[in-house]
Amino acid sequence: HKVMFSYKKPFQKSDHTFRVDSLRLRQVVFDLAARDINAKNLSLSGSSVRLHTSKLSKKDTIEMQEAVSVSTNRKWKFGVESVRLSDNAFVYQNTATAAKKGLDFQHIDVQKINLSTNNSSFDSSGFTSDISSASLVYNNQLNIKQVSANVRISDSLLVIQDLSTAFNASRVKTNGDITWPLKPATSFS
């Protein structure tokens, strides 16, 4: 069941490792003519992504941005009725920067990632999902648990409806919408 892939570029100080313990995808329908992919269930457990790198140069960043901004007129749509993630991990370490206290996005160690969603979809207009439960531990400091919400993201707006969560010793519950304007972008294509 286990699959592991490692990619190293020693001269660029990059070391990436991907490990999948269990991945299940059920009842997948590909409609290539309509550019539509739907699945009944997606489950991923005991998996990890570890990215160790050094900061990108400005030239690499510009090339990456140019590659991402290429789009086509025919847009893809992806949908998954239920997603289940269990005991997964994500690590990102940028060795070009020193570790900081608090939320350090250059040194990320997220463990015990668990997620249960329904009615998730992604297309050129954005992403939507009903999160019934989510939990994770961030850098051994922030224990997020009991997350539930309806989430919609477009290229210009993040909307979270009826958020309920607990983190460390605190609880948050909202009724209604939390909206967060995002920097304008071209699209999700």
N, C-alpha and C. Protein backbone atom coordinates (compact mmCIF):
# COMPACT_ATOMS: atom_id res chain seq x y z
N HIS A 1 0.80 -1.20 0.00
CA HIS A 1 0.00 0.00 0.00
C HIS A 1 0.84 1.27 0.00
N LYS A 2 2.02 1.23 0.58
CA LYS A 2 2.80 2.45 0.74
C LYS A 2 3.58 2.79 -0.53
N VAL A 3 3.55 4.09 -0.88
CA VAL A 3 4.31 4.59 -2.02
C VAL A 3 5.11 5.79 -1.53
N MET A 4 6.38 5.85 -1.94
CA MET A 4 7.22 6.97 -1.53
C MET A 4 7.97 7.49 -2.74
N PHE A 5 8.08 8.81 -2.83
CA PHE A 5 8.79 9.46 -3.93
C PHE A 5 9.67 10.54 -3.31
N SER A 6 10.92 10.60 -3.74
CA SER A 6 11.84 11.60 -3.24
C SER A 6 12.50 12.31 -4.42
N TYR A 7 12.63 13.62 -4.31
CA TYR A 7 13.24 14.43 -5.36
C TYR A 7 14.25 15.36 -4.71
N LYS A 8 15.51 15.24 -5.13
CA LYS A 8 16.57 16.04 -4.52
C LYS A 8 17.34 16.80 -5.59
N LYS A 9 17.67 18.07 -5.26
CA LYS A 9 18.55 18.90 -6.08
C LYS A 9 19.59 19.48 -5.12
N PRO A 10 20.67 18.74 -4.86
CA PRO A 10 21.64 19.17 -3.84
C PRO A 10 22.23 20.56 -4.06
N PHE A 11 22.50 20.94 -5.32
CA PHE A 11 23.11 22.24 -5.57
C PHE A 11 22.14 23.39 -5.32
N GLN A 12 20.84 23.12 -5.39
CA GLN A 12 19.83 24.14 -5.09
C GLN A 12 19.27 23.97 -3.69
N LYS A 13 19.87 23.07 -2.92
CA LYS A 13 19.46 22.81 -1.54
C LYS A 13 17.97 22.47 -1.44
N SER A 14 17.51 21.59 -2.33
CA SER A 14 16.11 21.17 -2.32
C SER A 14 16.04 19.67 -2.07
N ASP A 15 15.14 19.29 -1.18
CA ASP A 15 14.91 17.88 -0.86
C ASP A 15 13.42 17.73 -0.58
N HIS A 16 12.71 17.07 -1.47
CA HIS A 16 11.27 16.90 -1.35
C HIS A 16 10.94 15.42 -1.25
N THR A 17 10.12 15.06 -0.28
CA THR A 17 9.72 13.67 -0.09
C THR A 17 8.21 13.60 0.03
N PHE A 18 7.61 12.68 -0.71
CA PHE A 18 6.17 12.47 -0.70
C PHE A 18 5.93 11.00 -0.33
N ARG A 19 5.10 10.76 0.67
CA ARG A 19 4.79 9.39 1.10
C ARG A 19 3.28 9.24 1.19
N VAL A 20 2.76 8.20 0.57
CA VAL A 20 1.33 7.90 0.63
C VAL A 20 1.17 6.52 1.22
N ASP A 21 0.51 6.43 2.37
CA ASP A 21 0.25 5.15 3.00
C ASP A 21 -1.00 4.52 2.40
N SER A 22 -2.10 5.29 2.39
CA SER A 22 -3.34 4.77 1.86
C SER A 22 -4.09 5.87 1.11
N LEU A 23 -4.41 5.61 -0.16
CA LEU A 23 -5.17 6.53 -0.99
C LEU A 23 -6.27 5.74 -1.67
N ARG A 24 -7.50 6.18 -1.48
CA ARG A 24 -8.64 5.51 -2.11
C ARG A 24 -9.50 6.55 -2.82
N LEU A 25 -9.85 6.23 -4.03
CA LEU A 25 -10.70 7.07 -4.84
C LEU A 25 -11.80 6.17 -5.40
N ARG A 26 -13.05 6.48 -5.07
CA ARG A 26 -14.16 5.60 -5.46
C ARG A 26 -15.10 6.30 -6.43
N GLN A 27 -15.62 5.52 -7.35
CA GLN A 27 -16.62 5.93 -8.31
C GLN A 27 -16.26 7.25 -9.00
N VAL A 28 -15.18 7.20 -9.75
CA VAL A 28 -14.70 8.38 -10.47
C VAL A 28 -15.29 8.38 -11.87
N VAL A 29 -15.79 9.55 -12.28
CA VAL A 29 -16.33 9.72 -13.62
C VAL A 29 -15.55 10.84 -14.31
N PHE A 30 -14.88 10.49 -15.42
CA PHE A 30 -14.15 11.46 -16.23
C PHE A 30 -14.98 11.77 -17.46
N ASP A 31 -15.33 13.02 -17.66
CA ASP A 31 -15.97 13.45 -18.90
C ASP A 31 -14.98 14.40 -19.56
N LEU A 32 -14.11 13.83 -20.39
CA LEU A 32 -13.03 14.62 -20.99
C LEU A 32 -13.57 15.68 -21.94
N ALA A 33 -14.64 15.38 -22.67
CA ALA A 33 -15.21 16.36 -23.59
C ALA A 33 -15.71 17.59 -22.85
N ALA A 34 -16.35 17.38 -21.72
CA ALA A 34 -16.88 18.50 -20.91
C ALA A 34 -15.85 19.03 -19.93
N ARG A 35 -14.66 18.37 -19.85
CA ARG A 35 -13.61 18.73 -18.88
C ARG A 35 -14.16 18.73 -17.46
N ASP A 36 -14.79 17.61 -17.11
CA ASP A 36 -15.46 17.47 -15.82
C ASP A 36 -15.03 16.15 -15.18
N ILE A 37 -14.57 16.21 -13.92
CA ILE A 37 -14.17 15.02 -13.18
C ILE A 37 -14.94 15.03 -11.86
N ASN A 38 -15.63 13.93 -11.57
CA ASN A 38 -16.37 13.80 -10.31
C ASN A 38 -16.03 12.48 -9.65
N ALA A 39 -16.00 12.49 -8.31
CA ALA A 39 -15.74 11.27 -7.56
C ALA A 39 -16.70 11.20 -6.39
N LYS A 40 -17.07 9.99 -6.03
CA LYS A 40 -17.95 9.79 -4.88
C LYS A 40 -17.18 10.01 -3.58
N ASN A 41 -16.01 9.35 -3.45
CA ASN A 41 -15.21 9.44 -2.22
C ASN A 41 -13.73 9.55 -2.54
N LEU A 42 -13.04 10.34 -1.72
CA LEU A 42 -11.58 10.42 -1.75
C LEU A 42 -11.12 10.29 -0.31
N SER A 43 -10.25 9.32 -0.03
CA SER A 43 -9.69 9.21 1.32
C SER A 43 -8.18 9.05 1.23
N LEU A 44 -7.49 9.72 2.14
CA LEU A 44 -6.04 9.71 2.21
C LEU A 44 -5.64 9.61 3.67
N SER A 45 -4.82 8.60 4.00
CA SER A 45 -4.42 8.46 5.41
C SER A 45 -2.96 8.05 5.52
N GLY A 46 -2.36 8.48 6.65
CA GLY A 46 -0.98 8.14 6.95
C GLY A 46 0.02 8.66 5.93
N SER A 47 -0.28 9.77 5.29
CA SER A 47 0.58 10.30 4.23
C SER A 47 1.30 11.56 4.68
N SER A 48 2.39 11.89 3.98
CA SER A 48 3.13 13.08 4.35
C SER A 48 3.81 13.71 3.14
N VAL A 49 3.99 15.02 3.24
CA VAL A 49 4.74 15.80 2.26
C VAL A 49 5.79 16.56 3.04
N ARG A 50 7.04 16.42 2.65
CA ARG A 50 8.14 17.12 3.32
C ARG A 50 8.92 17.89 2.26
N LEU A 51 8.92 19.22 2.39
CA LEU A 51 9.61 20.09 1.44
C LEU A 51 10.70 20.86 2.18
N HIS A 52 11.94 20.55 1.86
CA HIS A 52 13.07 21.27 2.43
C HIS A 52 13.74 21.99 1.26
N THR A 53 13.82 23.30 1.37
CA THR A 53 14.35 24.08 0.25
C THR A 53 15.06 25.32 0.77
N SER A 54 15.67 26.02 -0.16
CA SER A 54 16.25 27.32 0.13
C SER A 54 15.44 28.32 -0.68
N LYS A 55 15.38 29.57 -0.26
CA LYS A 55 14.54 30.58 -0.89
C LYS A 55 14.81 30.67 -2.39
N LEU A 56 13.74 30.80 -3.18
CA LEU A 56 13.85 30.95 -4.63
C LEU A 56 14.48 32.29 -4.98
N SER A 57 15.26 32.28 -6.06
CA SER A 57 15.78 33.55 -6.55
C SER A 57 14.66 34.31 -7.24
N LYS A 58 14.84 35.60 -7.48
CA LYS A 58 13.82 36.40 -8.17
C LYS A 58 13.55 35.84 -9.56
N LYS A 59 14.57 35.37 -10.26
CA LYS A 59 14.41 34.83 -11.61
C LYS A 59 13.50 33.60 -11.56
N ASP A 60 13.73 32.68 -10.63
CA ASP A 60 12.90 31.47 -10.51
C ASP A 60 11.46 31.85 -10.17
N THR A 61 11.27 32.82 -9.31
CA THR A 61 9.94 33.25 -8.92
C THR A 61 9.17 33.80 -10.12
N ILE A 62 9.82 34.63 -10.93
CA ILE A 62 9.17 35.21 -12.11
C ILE A 62 8.80 34.11 -13.10
N GLU A 63 9.71 33.15 -13.34
CA GLU A 63 9.41 32.05 -14.26
C GLU A 63 8.24 31.22 -13.75
N MET A 64 8.17 30.97 -12.45
CA MET A 64 7.09 30.19 -11.87
C MET A 64 5.76 30.94 -12.02
N GLN A 65 5.75 32.24 -11.76
CA GLN A 65 4.53 33.03 -11.90
C GLN A 65 4.04 33.04 -13.34
N GLU A 66 4.97 33.14 -14.30
CA GLU A 66 4.57 33.13 -15.71
C GLU A 66 3.97 31.79 -16.09
N ALA A 67 4.52 30.69 -15.59
CA ALA A 67 4.00 29.36 -15.91
C ALA A 67 2.61 29.17 -15.31
N VAL A 68 2.36 29.69 -14.12
CA VAL A 68 1.07 29.54 -13.47
C VAL A 68 0.00 30.39 -14.14
N SER A 69 0.35 31.56 -14.68
CA SER A 69 -0.67 32.43 -15.23
C SER A 69 -1.16 32.03 -16.62
N VAL A 70 -0.58 31.01 -17.25
CA VAL A 70 -1.07 30.55 -18.54
C VAL A 70 -2.41 29.86 -18.34
N SER A 71 -3.42 30.25 -19.15
CA SER A 71 -4.73 29.63 -19.02
C SER A 71 -5.27 29.28 -20.39
N THR A 72 -6.33 28.49 -20.38
CA THR A 72 -7.00 28.12 -21.62
C THR A 72 -8.43 28.59 -21.54
N ASN A 73 -9.10 28.63 -22.68
CA ASN A 73 -10.51 29.03 -22.70
C ASN A 73 -11.41 27.92 -22.18
N ARG A 74 -10.99 26.68 -22.28
CA ARG A 74 -11.80 25.57 -21.82
C ARG A 74 -11.40 25.24 -20.39
N LYS A 75 -12.29 25.45 -19.45
CA LYS A 75 -12.00 25.29 -18.03
C LYS A 75 -12.39 23.89 -17.54
N TRP A 76 -11.64 23.38 -16.58
CA TRP A 76 -11.92 22.09 -15.96
C TRP A 76 -12.79 22.30 -14.72
N LYS A 77 -13.58 21.29 -14.38
CA LYS A 77 -14.37 21.27 -13.15
C LYS A 77 -14.06 19.96 -12.42
N PHE A 78 -13.83 20.06 -11.10
CA PHE A 78 -13.57 18.89 -10.27
C PHE A 78 -14.57 18.88 -9.13
N GLY A 79 -15.11 17.72 -8.82
CA GLY A 79 -16.04 17.60 -7.71
C GLY A 79 -15.83 16.30 -6.96
N VAL A 80 -15.94 16.35 -5.63
CA VAL A 80 -15.84 15.15 -4.80
C VAL A 80 -16.95 15.22 -3.76
N GLU A 81 -17.78 14.17 -3.74
CA GLU A 81 -18.90 14.17 -2.80
C GLU A 81 -18.42 14.14 -1.35
N SER A 82 -17.44 13.28 -1.03
CA SER A 82 -16.90 13.27 0.34
C SER A 82 -15.39 13.06 0.31
N VAL A 83 -14.70 13.85 1.14
CA VAL A 83 -13.25 13.76 1.29
C VAL A 83 -12.97 13.42 2.75
N ARG A 84 -12.08 12.44 2.96
CA ARG A 84 -11.68 12.05 4.30
C ARG A 84 -10.16 11.97 4.36
N LEU A 85 -9.56 12.82 5.18
CA LEU A 85 -8.12 12.77 5.42
C LEU A 85 -7.92 12.32 6.86
N SER A 86 -6.96 11.42 7.06
CA SER A 86 -6.74 10.89 8.40
C SER A 86 -5.25 10.75 8.68
N ASP A 87 -4.77 11.40 9.74
CA ASP A 87 -3.40 11.30 10.23
C ASP A 87 -2.36 11.56 9.15
N ASN A 88 -2.49 12.72 8.49
CA ASN A 88 -1.54 13.12 7.46
C ASN A 88 -0.61 14.21 8.01
N ALA A 89 0.44 14.53 7.25
CA ALA A 89 1.41 15.53 7.71
C ALA A 89 1.94 16.35 6.54
N PHE A 90 2.33 17.60 6.84
CA PHE A 90 2.94 18.49 5.86
C PHE A 90 4.05 19.27 6.55
N VAL A 91 5.25 19.23 5.96
CA VAL A 91 6.40 19.96 6.51
C VAL A 91 7.03 20.78 5.39
N TYR A 92 7.27 22.05 5.68
CA TYR A 92 7.98 22.95 4.76
C TYR A 92 9.04 23.68 5.56
N GLN A 93 10.29 23.55 5.15
CA GLN A 93 11.40 24.22 5.82
C GLN A 93 12.21 24.99 4.79
N ASN A 94 12.29 26.32 4.96
CA ASN A 94 13.11 27.15 4.11
C ASN A 94 14.40 27.42 4.87
N THR A 95 15.46 26.74 4.48
CA THR A 95 16.73 26.85 5.20
C THR A 95 17.42 28.19 5.01
N ALA A 96 16.92 29.01 4.09
CA ALA A 96 17.52 30.33 3.87
C ALA A 96 17.07 31.35 4.92
N THR A 97 16.07 31.01 5.73
CA THR A 97 15.59 31.94 6.76
C THR A 97 15.66 31.28 8.13
N ALA A 98 15.89 32.10 9.14
CA ALA A 98 15.92 31.60 10.51
C ALA A 98 14.49 31.39 11.01
N ALA A 99 14.31 30.39 11.86
CA ALA A 99 12.99 30.12 12.44
C ALA A 99 12.58 31.27 13.35
N LYS A 100 11.26 31.59 13.34
CA LYS A 100 10.71 32.67 14.16
C LYS A 100 9.68 32.10 15.11
N LYS A 101 9.38 32.85 16.15
CA LYS A 101 8.30 32.47 17.06
C LYS A 101 6.97 32.84 16.44
N GLY A 102 5.90 32.19 16.85
CA GLY A 102 4.58 32.50 16.32
C GLY A 102 4.32 31.79 15.01
N LEU A 103 3.49 32.40 14.16
CA LEU A 103 3.18 31.81 12.86
C LEU A 103 4.33 32.08 11.90
N ASP A 104 5.11 31.08 11.64
CA ASP A 104 6.28 31.18 10.78
C ASP A 104 6.00 30.39 9.51
N PHE A 105 5.70 31.07 8.41
CA PHE A 105 5.32 30.39 7.18
C PHE A 105 6.52 29.89 6.38
N GLN A 106 7.74 30.13 6.88
CA GLN A 106 8.94 29.60 6.25
C GLN A 106 9.39 28.30 6.93
N HIS A 107 8.80 28.00 8.09
CA HIS A 107 9.13 26.78 8.84
C HIS A 107 7.81 26.21 9.36
N ILE A 108 7.22 25.34 8.57
CA ILE A 108 5.90 24.80 8.88
C ILE A 108 6.01 23.30 9.17
N ASP A 109 5.43 22.89 10.26
CA ASP A 109 5.36 21.47 10.60
C ASP A 109 3.93 21.19 11.07
N VAL A 110 3.12 20.67 10.17
CA VAL A 110 1.72 20.39 10.48
C VAL A 110 1.56 18.88 10.58
N GLN A 111 1.12 18.42 11.73
CA GLN A 111 0.94 16.99 11.99
C GLN A 111 -0.53 16.69 12.31
N LYS A 112 -0.86 15.42 12.28
CA LYS A 112 -2.20 14.95 12.64
C LYS A 112 -3.30 15.69 11.87
N ILE A 113 -3.11 15.81 10.55
CA ILE A 113 -4.11 16.48 9.71
C ILE A 113 -5.26 15.52 9.47
N ASN A 114 -6.43 15.92 9.94
CA ASN A 114 -7.65 15.14 9.76
C ASN A 114 -8.71 16.07 9.18
N LEU A 115 -9.48 15.55 8.23
CA LEU A 115 -10.47 16.38 7.55
C LEU A 115 -11.61 15.51 7.04
N SER A 116 -12.81 16.03 7.18
CA SER A 116 -13.98 15.37 6.62
C SER A 116 -14.84 16.45 5.96
N THR A 117 -15.04 16.34 4.63
CA THR A 117 -15.83 17.33 3.91
C THR A 117 -16.89 16.65 3.06
N ASN A 118 -17.88 17.44 2.67
CA ASN A 118 -18.91 16.99 1.75
C ASN A 118 -19.09 18.05 0.67
N ASN A 119 -19.50 17.60 -0.50
CA ASN A 119 -19.84 18.51 -1.60
C ASN A 119 -18.74 19.50 -1.93
N SER A 120 -17.54 19.00 -2.13
CA SER A 120 -16.41 19.87 -2.49
C SER A 120 -16.33 19.99 -4.01
N SER A 121 -16.07 21.22 -4.49
CA SER A 121 -15.91 21.42 -5.93
C SER A 121 -14.90 22.53 -6.18
N PHE A 122 -14.23 22.40 -7.32
CA PHE A 122 -13.23 23.37 -7.73
C PHE A 122 -13.37 23.58 -9.22
N ASP A 123 -13.50 24.84 -9.64
CA ASP A 123 -13.54 25.18 -11.06
C ASP A 123 -12.99 26.59 -11.23
N SER A 124 -13.15 27.16 -12.42
CA SER A 124 -12.56 28.47 -12.69
C SER A 124 -13.18 29.58 -11.84
N SER A 125 -14.36 29.36 -11.27
CA SER A 125 -14.98 30.39 -10.42
C SER A 125 -14.51 30.29 -8.97
N GLY A 126 -13.87 29.18 -8.58
CA GLY A 126 -13.36 29.07 -7.23
C GLY A 126 -13.53 27.69 -6.63
N PHE A 127 -13.58 27.66 -5.31
CA PHE A 127 -13.63 26.42 -4.53
C PHE A 127 -14.76 26.52 -3.52
N THR A 128 -15.52 25.45 -3.33
CA THR A 128 -16.55 25.38 -2.30
C THR A 128 -16.46 24.04 -1.59
N SER A 129 -16.79 24.04 -0.29
CA SER A 129 -16.79 22.79 0.46
C SER A 129 -17.55 22.97 1.77
N ASP A 130 -18.21 21.92 2.19
CA ASP A 130 -18.85 21.87 3.51
C ASP A 130 -17.94 21.05 4.41
N ILE A 131 -17.26 21.71 5.34
CA ILE A 131 -16.33 21.03 6.24
C ILE A 131 -17.11 20.58 7.46
N SER A 132 -17.22 19.26 7.65
CA SER A 132 -17.94 18.77 8.82
C SER A 132 -17.00 18.60 10.01
N SER A 133 -15.73 18.29 9.75
CA SER A 133 -14.76 18.26 10.86
C SER A 133 -13.34 18.38 10.30
N ALA A 134 -12.50 19.06 11.05
CA ALA A 134 -11.09 19.21 10.68
C ALA A 134 -10.28 19.42 11.94
N SER A 135 -9.06 18.92 11.93
CA SER A 135 -8.15 19.14 13.06
C SER A 135 -6.72 18.98 12.58
N LEU A 136 -5.80 19.65 13.30
CA LEU A 136 -4.37 19.55 12.99
C LEU A 136 -3.57 20.15 14.15
N VAL A 137 -2.28 19.86 14.16
CA VAL A 137 -1.35 20.46 15.12
C VAL A 137 -0.28 21.18 14.31
N TYR A 138 -0.17 22.51 14.53
CA TYR A 138 0.76 23.36 13.78
C TYR A 138 1.98 23.68 14.64
N ASN A 139 3.16 23.28 14.17
CA ASN A 139 4.44 23.55 14.83
C ASN A 139 4.44 23.22 16.32
N ASN A 140 3.75 22.20 16.70
CA ASN A 140 3.65 21.75 18.11
C ASN A 140 3.21 22.86 19.05
N GLN A 141 2.57 23.91 18.53
CA GLN A 141 2.13 25.04 19.35
C GLN A 141 0.64 25.28 19.26
N LEU A 142 0.08 25.09 18.09
CA LEU A 142 -1.32 25.41 17.85
C LEU A 142 -2.08 24.13 17.54
N ASN A 143 -2.99 23.76 18.44
CA ASN A 143 -3.79 22.55 18.28
C ASN A 143 -5.19 22.98 17.85
N ILE A 144 -5.47 22.84 16.57
CA ILE A 144 -6.78 23.23 16.02
C ILE A 144 -7.63 21.97 15.95
N LYS A 145 -8.86 22.06 16.48
CA LYS A 145 -9.72 20.88 16.48
C LYS A 145 -11.18 21.29 16.36
N GLN A 146 -12.00 20.35 16.06
CA GLN A 146 -13.45 20.53 15.98
C GLN A 146 -13.86 21.66 15.03
N VAL A 147 -13.20 21.76 13.89
CA VAL A 147 -13.55 22.79 12.91
C VAL A 147 -14.72 22.30 12.07
N SER A 148 -15.71 23.16 11.90
CA SER A 148 -16.77 22.91 10.93
C SER A 148 -17.19 24.26 10.35
N ALA A 149 -17.51 24.27 9.05
CA ALA A 149 -17.91 25.51 8.37
C ALA A 149 -18.24 25.20 6.92
N ASN A 150 -18.92 26.12 6.29
CA ASN A 150 -19.10 26.08 4.84
C ASN A 150 -18.13 27.12 4.28
N VAL A 151 -17.32 26.72 3.30
CA VAL A 151 -16.26 27.58 2.79
C VAL A 151 -16.45 27.79 1.29
N ARG A 152 -16.31 29.06 0.86
CA ARG A 152 -16.31 29.42 -0.56
C ARG A 152 -15.14 30.37 -0.80
N ILE A 153 -14.36 30.07 -1.84
CA ILE A 153 -13.22 30.93 -2.19
C ILE A 153 -13.32 31.23 -3.68
N SER A 154 -13.25 32.52 -4.01
CA SER A 154 -13.14 32.93 -5.41
C SER A 154 -11.81 33.65 -5.55
N ASP A 155 -11.56 34.21 -6.73
CA ASP A 155 -10.29 34.91 -6.91
C ASP A 155 -10.25 36.23 -6.15
N SER A 156 -11.40 36.68 -5.62
CA SER A 156 -11.41 37.97 -4.93
C SER A 156 -11.99 37.93 -3.52
N LEU A 157 -12.54 36.77 -3.08
CA LEU A 157 -13.25 36.74 -1.80
C LEU A 157 -13.20 35.37 -1.15
N LEU A 158 -12.97 35.36 0.16
CA LEU A 158 -13.08 34.15 0.98
C LEU A 158 -14.30 34.34 1.86
N VAL A 159 -15.24 33.38 1.82
CA VAL A 159 -16.44 33.43 2.65
C VAL A 159 -16.50 32.17 3.50
N ILE A 160 -16.59 32.35 4.81
CA ILE A 160 -16.73 31.23 5.75
C ILE A 160 -18.06 31.41 6.45
N GLN A 161 -18.93 30.41 6.33
CA GLN A 161 -20.26 30.48 6.94
C GLN A 161 -20.33 29.55 8.14
N ASP A 162 -20.93 30.05 9.22
CA ASP A 162 -21.22 29.24 10.41
C ASP A 162 -20.00 28.47 10.91
N LEU A 163 -18.93 29.20 11.20
CA LEU A 163 -17.68 28.61 11.67
C LEU A 163 -17.80 28.19 13.13
N SER A 164 -17.31 27.00 13.41
CA SER A 164 -17.20 26.52 14.78
C SER A 164 -15.85 25.82 14.90
N THR A 165 -15.06 26.20 15.91
CA THR A 165 -13.74 25.59 16.08
C THR A 165 -13.26 25.74 17.52
N ALA A 166 -12.26 24.96 17.83
CA ALA A 166 -11.55 25.08 19.11
C ALA A 166 -10.07 25.02 18.79
N PHE A 167 -9.28 25.85 19.48
CA PHE A 167 -7.84 25.80 19.31
C PHE A 167 -7.21 26.06 20.66
N ASN A 168 -6.21 25.23 20.98
CA ASN A 168 -5.59 25.21 22.30
C ASN A 168 -6.69 25.22 23.36
N ALA A 169 -6.83 26.25 24.18
CA ALA A 169 -7.85 26.27 25.22
C ALA A 169 -9.01 27.20 24.89
N SER A 170 -9.14 27.60 23.64
CA SER A 170 -10.18 28.57 23.25
C SER A 170 -11.19 27.93 22.31
N ARG A 171 -12.38 28.53 22.27
CA ARG A 171 -13.44 28.11 21.35
C ARG A 171 -13.97 29.34 20.61
N VAL A 172 -14.34 29.13 19.34
CA VAL A 172 -14.94 30.19 18.53
C VAL A 172 -16.14 29.58 17.82
N LYS A 173 -17.26 30.31 17.86
CA LYS A 173 -18.45 29.89 17.12
C LYS A 173 -19.10 31.13 16.55
N THR A 174 -19.36 31.11 15.23
CA THR A 174 -20.02 32.24 14.59
C THR A 174 -21.25 31.74 13.85
N ASN A 175 -22.24 32.59 13.77
CA ASN A 175 -23.41 32.34 12.95
C ASN A 175 -23.41 33.40 11.87
N GLY A 176 -23.59 32.98 10.63
CA GLY A 176 -23.55 33.94 9.53
C GLY A 176 -22.24 33.85 8.79
N ASP A 177 -21.92 34.91 8.06
CA ASP A 177 -20.76 34.93 7.17
C ASP A 177 -19.59 35.71 7.74
N ILE A 178 -18.40 35.17 7.53
CA ILE A 178 -17.16 35.91 7.72
C ILE A 178 -16.61 36.07 6.31
N THR A 179 -16.44 37.31 5.87
CA THR A 179 -15.92 37.55 4.52
C THR A 179 -14.56 38.22 4.60
N TRP A 180 -13.68 37.82 3.70
CA TRP A 180 -12.33 38.36 3.67
C TRP A 180 -11.98 38.64 2.21
N PRO A 181 -11.87 39.92 1.85
CA PRO A 181 -11.48 40.26 0.47
C PRO A 181 -10.06 39.77 0.20
N LEU A 182 -9.86 39.22 -0.98
CA LEU A 182 -8.54 38.74 -1.38
C LEU A 182 -7.98 39.64 -2.46
N LYS A 183 -6.69 39.63 -2.60
CA LYS A 183 -6.06 40.43 -3.64
C LYS A 183 -6.58 39.99 -5.00
N PRO A 184 -6.99 40.93 -5.83
CA PRO A 184 -7.50 40.54 -7.15
C PRO A 184 -6.48 39.73 -7.94
N ALA A 185 -6.97 38.69 -8.58
CA ALA A 185 -6.10 37.83 -9.40
C ALA A 185 -6.80 37.59 -10.73
N THR A 186 -6.15 36.85 -11.60
CA THR A 186 -6.76 36.62 -12.92
C THR A 186 -7.92 35.64 -12.81
N SER A 187 -7.68 34.43 -12.33
CA SER A 187 -8.75 33.45 -12.10
C SER A 187 -8.13 32.16 -11.59
N PHE A 188 -8.98 31.17 -11.29
CA PHE A 188 -8.50 29.87 -10.84
C PHE A 188 -8.25 28.92 -12.00
N SER A 189 -8.20 29.39 -13.21
CA SER A 189 -8.11 28.50 -14.37
C SER A 189 -6.79 27.78 -14.43
